[in-house]
Amino acid sequence: MKQLDPPPMCVADMDFKAPPAVLDALHEAVEHGVFGYPGGATDLDAVTGWQVRRFGWDVPEKGSCRPLRSSSSPGDSILIQPPVYAPFHGDIRLNGRHLTYAR
């Protein structure tokens, strides 16, 4: 009996070519050459509004560390699992907490 190639059963791989609009957008991004964040959240009100509705946290625009300060005390250790958004490291330290890494 002839052995058959295994069927593709990957989680995220595609078995078909991406549509032209997607390929065009990718080419445009590559030509731009900058692959960082485009400038942050485009609708901050949507983000802060969700926090209020979901958790009751009224986070001011400049108060992104409020959850950290309200759920821990100076000297506490804060567990993060790298890789994480780079400012997390400094924000934790600037608020008097210690970093602990999950590895």
C-alpha atoms as a PDB file:
ATOM      1  CA  MET A   1       0.000   0.000   0.000  1.00  0.00           C
ATOM      2  CA  LYS A   2       1.321   3.413  -0.969  1.00  0.00           C
ATOM      3  CA  GLN A   3       1.996   5.764   1.931  1.00  0.00           C
ATOM      4  CA  LEU A   4       0.069   9.020   1.612  1.00  0.00           C
ATOM      5  CA  ASP A   5       1.527  12.333   2.589  1.00  0.00           C
ATOM      6  CA  PRO A   6      -0.017  13.435   5.860  1.00  0.00           C
ATOM      7  CA  PRO A   7      -2.746  16.004   5.413  1.00  0.00           C
ATOM      8  CA  PRO A   8      -1.930  19.511   6.651  1.00  0.00           C
ATOM      9  CA  MET A   9      -3.136  19.758  10.237  1.00  0.00           C
ATOM     10  CA  CYS A  10      -1.332  22.847  11.460  1.00  0.00           C
ATOM     11  CA  VAL A  11      -2.910  25.349  13.790  1.00  0.00           C
ATOM     12  CA  ALA A  12      -2.138  28.596  11.983  1.00  0.00           C
ATOM     13  CA  ASP A  13      -0.675  27.727   8.597  1.00  0.00           C
ATOM     14  CA  MET A  14      -2.766  28.426   5.547  1.00  0.00           C
ATOM     15  CA  ASP A  15      -3.186  26.023   2.690  1.00  0.00           C
ATOM     16  CA  PHE A  16      -4.179  28.682   0.195  1.00  0.00           C
ATOM     17  CA  LYS A  17      -2.682  31.845  -1.176  1.00  0.00           C
ATOM     18  CA  ALA A  18      -3.612  35.054   0.626  1.00  0.00           C
ATOM     19  CA  PRO A  19      -5.990  37.366  -1.287  1.00  0.00           C
ATOM     20  CA  PRO A  20      -4.490  40.231  -3.315  1.00  0.00           C
ATOM     21  CA  ALA A  21      -5.666  42.913  -0.848  1.00  0.00           C
ATOM     22  CA  VAL A  22      -3.753  41.211   1.972  1.00  0.00           C
ATOM     23  CA  LEU A  23      -0.639  40.767  -0.148  1.00  0.00           C
ATOM     24  CA  ASP A  24      -0.789  44.420  -1.235  1.00  0.00           C
ATOM     25  CA  ALA A  25      -1.074  45.601   2.383  1.00  0.00           C
ATOM     26  CA  LEU A  26       1.852  43.407   3.420  1.00  0.00           C
ATOM     27  CA  HIS A  27       4.011  44.691   0.547  1.00  0.00           C
ATOM     28  CA  GLU A  28       3.138  48.266   1.519  1.00  0.00           C
ATOM     29  CA  ALA A  29       4.134  47.588   5.150  1.00  0.00           C
ATOM     30  CA  VAL A  30       7.424  46.035   4.078  1.00  0.00           C
ATOM     31  CA  GLU A  31       8.188  48.974   1.808  1.00  0.00           C
ATOM     32  CA  HIS A  32       7.469  51.352   4.699  1.00  0.00           C
ATOM     33  CA  GLY A  33      10.172  49.513   6.640  1.00  0.00           C
ATOM     34  CA  VAL A  34       9.095  50.416  10.187  1.00  0.00           C
ATOM     35  CA  PHE A  35       7.554  47.453  11.991  1.00  0.00           C
ATOM     36  CA  GLY A  36       6.827  48.962  15.420  1.00  0.00           C
ATOM     37  CA  TYR A  37       3.498  49.996  16.817  1.00  0.00           C
ATOM     38  CA  PRO A  38       1.771  52.612  14.646  1.00  0.00           C
ATOM     39  CA  GLY A  39       1.175  55.019  17.541  1.00  0.00           C
ATOM     40  CA  GLY A  40      -0.832  53.239  20.193  1.00  0.00           C
ATOM     41  CA  ALA A  41      -4.529  52.722  20.614  1.00  0.00           C
ATOM     42  CA  THR A  42      -6.525  54.718  18.109  1.00  0.00           C
ATOM     43  CA  ASP A  43      -9.593  54.898  20.329  1.00  0.00           C
ATOM     44  CA  LEU A  44      -8.477  55.349  23.929  1.00  0.00           C
ATOM     45  CA  ASP A  45     -12.070  56.037  25.008  1.00  0.00           C
ATOM     46  CA  ALA A  46     -13.031  52.539  23.867  1.00  0.00           C
ATOM     47  CA  VAL A  47     -10.269  51.022  25.984  1.00  0.00           C
ATOM     48  CA  THR A  48     -10.898  53.078  29.127  1.00  0.00           C
ATOM     49  CA  GLY A  49     -14.669  52.749  28.739  1.00  0.00           C
ATOM     50  CA  TRP A  50     -14.373  48.975  28.650  1.00  0.00           C
ATOM     51  CA  GLN A  51     -12.250  49.044  31.825  1.00  0.00           C
ATOM     52  CA  VAL A  52     -14.961  51.061  33.607  1.00  0.00           C
ATOM     53  CA  ARG A  53     -17.787  48.803  32.427  1.00  0.00           C
ATOM     54  CA  ARG A  54     -15.977  45.525  33.005  1.00  0.00           C
ATOM     55  CA  PHE A  55     -13.942  46.187  36.145  1.00  0.00           C
ATOM     56  CA  GLY A  56     -15.128  49.511  37.554  1.00  0.00           C
ATOM     57  CA  TRP A  57     -11.667  51.012  36.927  1.00  0.00           C
ATOM     58  CA  ASP A  58     -11.821  54.646  35.930  1.00  0.00           C
ATOM     59  CA  VAL A  59      -8.357  54.882  34.397  1.00  0.00           C
ATOM     60  CA  PRO A  60      -7.297  58.444  33.563  1.00  0.00           C
ATOM     61  CA  GLU A  61      -5.375  58.838  30.321  1.00  0.00           C
ATOM     62  CA  LYS A  62      -2.097  59.369  32.182  1.00  0.00           C
ATOM     63  CA  GLY A  63      -2.876  56.774  34.866  1.00  0.00           C
ATOM     64  CA  SER A  64      -2.077  53.474  33.234  1.00  0.00           C
ATOM     65  CA  CYS A  65      -0.260  52.312  36.407  1.00  0.00           C
ATOM     66  CA  ARG A  66      -3.342  52.738  38.580  1.00  0.00           C
ATOM     67  CA  PRO A  67      -4.242  49.005  38.539  1.00  0.00           C
ATOM     68  CA  LEU A  68      -0.672  48.214  39.620  1.00  0.00           C
ATOM     69  CA  ARG A  69      -0.818  50.696  42.498  1.00  0.00           C
ATOM     70  CA  SER A  70      -4.321  49.715  43.589  1.00  0.00           C
ATOM     71  CA  SER A  71      -3.598  45.979  43.720  1.00  0.00           C
ATOM     72  CA  SER A  72      -0.103  45.990  45.268  1.00  0.00           C
ATOM     73  CA  SER A  73       2.084  47.940  47.672  1.00  0.00           C
ATOM     74  CA  PRO A  74       5.591  49.379  47.370  1.00  0.00           C
ATOM     75  CA  GLY A  75       8.078  46.589  47.969  1.00  0.00           C
ATOM     76  CA  ASP A  76       5.780  43.882  46.575  1.00  0.00           C
ATOM     77  CA  SER A  77       6.996  41.617  43.802  1.00  0.00           C
ATOM     78  CA  ILE A  78       5.112  41.720  40.518  1.00  0.00           C
ATOM     79  CA  LEU A  79       5.192  38.610  38.346  1.00  0.00           C
ATOM     80  CA  ILE A  80       5.555  39.117  34.598  1.00  0.00           C
ATOM     81  CA  GLN A  81       6.119  36.587  31.865  1.00  0.00           C
ATOM     82  CA  PRO A  82       8.562  37.874  29.248  1.00  0.00           C
ATOM     83  CA  PRO A  83       8.399  38.856  26.534  1.00  0.00           C
ATOM     84  CA  VAL A  84       6.159  41.714  27.608  1.00  0.00           C
ATOM     85  CA  TYR A  85       5.660  45.288  26.493  1.00  0.00           C
ATOM     86  CA  ALA A  86       8.950  47.019  27.360  1.00  0.00           C
ATOM     87  CA  PRO A  87       7.513  49.843  29.551  1.00  0.00           C
ATOM     88  CA  PHE A  88       6.098  47.272  31.999  1.00  0.00           C
ATOM     89  CA  HIS A  89       9.570  46.771  33.447  1.00  0.00           C
ATOM     90  CA  GLY A  90      10.140  50.465  34.156  1.00  0.00           C
ATOM     91  CA  ASP A  91       6.575  51.152  35.293  1.00  0.00           C
ATOM     92  CA  ILE A  92       6.827  48.413  37.906  1.00  0.00           C
ATOM     93  CA  ARG A  93      10.159  49.662  39.205  1.00  0.00           C
ATOM     94  CA  LEU A  94       9.118  53.344  39.129  1.00  0.00           C
ATOM     95  CA  ASN A  95       6.167  52.446  41.345  1.00  0.00           C
ATOM     96  CA  GLY A  96       8.427  50.863  43.973  1.00  0.00           C
ATOM     97  CA  ARG A  97       7.683  47.258  43.126  1.00  0.00           C
ATOM     98  CA  HIS A  98      10.136  44.457  42.365  1.00  0.00           C
ATOM     99  CA  LEU A  99      10.127  42.418  39.163  1.00  0.00           C
ATOM    100  CA  THR A 100       9.770  38.654  39.292  1.00  0.00           C
ATOM    101  CA  TYR A 101       9.990  36.742  36.030  1.00  0.00           C
ATOM    102  CA  ALA A 102       8.027  33.627  35.146  1.00  0.00           C
ATOM    103  CA  ARG A 103      10.241  31.503  32.985  1.00  0.00           C
END
